[in-house]
Protein backbone atom coordinates (compact mmCIF):
# COMPACT_ATOMS: atom_id res chain seq x y z
CA MET A 1 -6.86 -1.80 19.23
CA THR A 2 -8.71 0.67 17.08
CA ALA A 3 -9.69 -0.09 13.52
CA ASN A 4 -7.44 2.69 12.23
CA LEU A 5 -4.42 1.28 14.08
CA HIS A 6 -5.15 -2.18 12.68
CA GLU A 7 -5.37 -0.69 9.17
CA ASP A 8 -2.12 1.24 9.69
CA GLU A 9 -0.32 -1.93 10.77
CA ALA A 10 -1.72 -3.91 7.85
CA VAL A 11 -0.71 -1.22 5.35
CA GLY A 12 2.74 -1.18 6.97
CA ARG A 13 3.05 -4.87 6.20
CA VAL A 14 2.00 -4.12 2.61
CA VAL A 15 4.84 -1.59 2.38
CA ASP A 16 7.31 -4.16 3.71
CA ARG A 17 6.14 -6.81 1.23
CA LEU A 18 6.31 -4.46 -1.72
CA LYS A 19 9.73 -3.10 -0.75
CA ASP A 20 10.97 -6.68 -0.79
CA ALA A 21 9.15 -7.64 -3.99
CA TYR A 22 10.30 -4.57 -5.94
CA ARG A 23 13.71 -3.96 -4.37
CA ASP A 24 15.48 -4.56 -7.67
CA ARG A 25 13.44 -1.88 -9.47
CA TYR A 26 12.46 0.75 -6.89
CA GLY A 27 13.93 2.34 -3.83
CA PRO A 28 12.09 2.22 -0.50
CA GLY A 29 10.88 5.81 -0.86
CA ALA A 30 9.25 5.13 -4.21
CA VAL A 31 7.38 2.14 -2.80
CA GLU A 32 6.26 4.09 0.27
CA THR A 33 5.01 6.95 -1.91
CA THR A 34 3.16 4.56 -4.22
CA VAL A 35 1.44 2.86 -1.27
CA ALA A 36 0.53 6.22 0.27
CA THR A 37 -0.98 7.37 -3.02
CA ALA A 38 -2.91 4.11 -3.37
CA ARG A 39 -4.20 4.41 0.19
CA ASP A 40 -5.23 8.01 -0.37
CA HIS A 41 -7.43 6.81 -3.24
CA PHE A 42 -9.55 4.93 -0.67
CA ARG A 43 -9.55 7.62 2.06
CA ASP A 44 -13.32 8.15 1.89
CA ALA A 45 -14.29 4.49 1.68
CA PRO A 46 -16.85 3.83 4.40
CA ILE A 47 -15.96 0.16 4.83
CA ARG A 48 -12.33 -0.14 5.87
CA GLY A 49 -11.84 -3.90 6.27
CA PHE A 50 -10.48 -4.53 2.79
CA ILE A 51 -8.43 -1.35 2.44
CA PRO A 52 -5.02 -3.04 2.89
CA VAL A 53 -5.84 -5.60 0.18
CA LEU A 54 -7.11 -2.93 -2.18
CA VAL A 55 -4.12 -0.69 -1.49
CA GLU A 56 -1.69 -3.53 -2.20
CA ARG A 57 -3.45 -4.42 -5.44
CA ARG A 58 -3.49 -0.80 -6.63
CA ALA A 59 0.15 -0.21 -5.64
CA ARG A 60 1.30 -3.38 -7.41
CA GLU A 61 -0.52 -2.31 -10.57
CA THR A 62 1.16 1.08 -10.43
CA LEU A 63 4.61 -0.38 -9.78
CA ASP A 64 4.21 -2.98 -12.52
CA HIS A 65 3.19 -0.37 -15.09
CA HIS A 66 5.99 2.09 -14.34
CA ARG A 67 8.95 -0.06 -15.23
């Protein structure tokens, strides 16, 4: 398994968690877009191991502040 595939799977689980956590406030597309934007913020990060955690944190902050 490549590192990128592992990261993709981990970010996919982030999307699933956030869709569930924010289902009463946002549609699935809004969550997916927010996660994609958060991930894009880290696109040039040389160390990829913590990207899913950082993406989830950034996406949650965005979703919490756009009520």
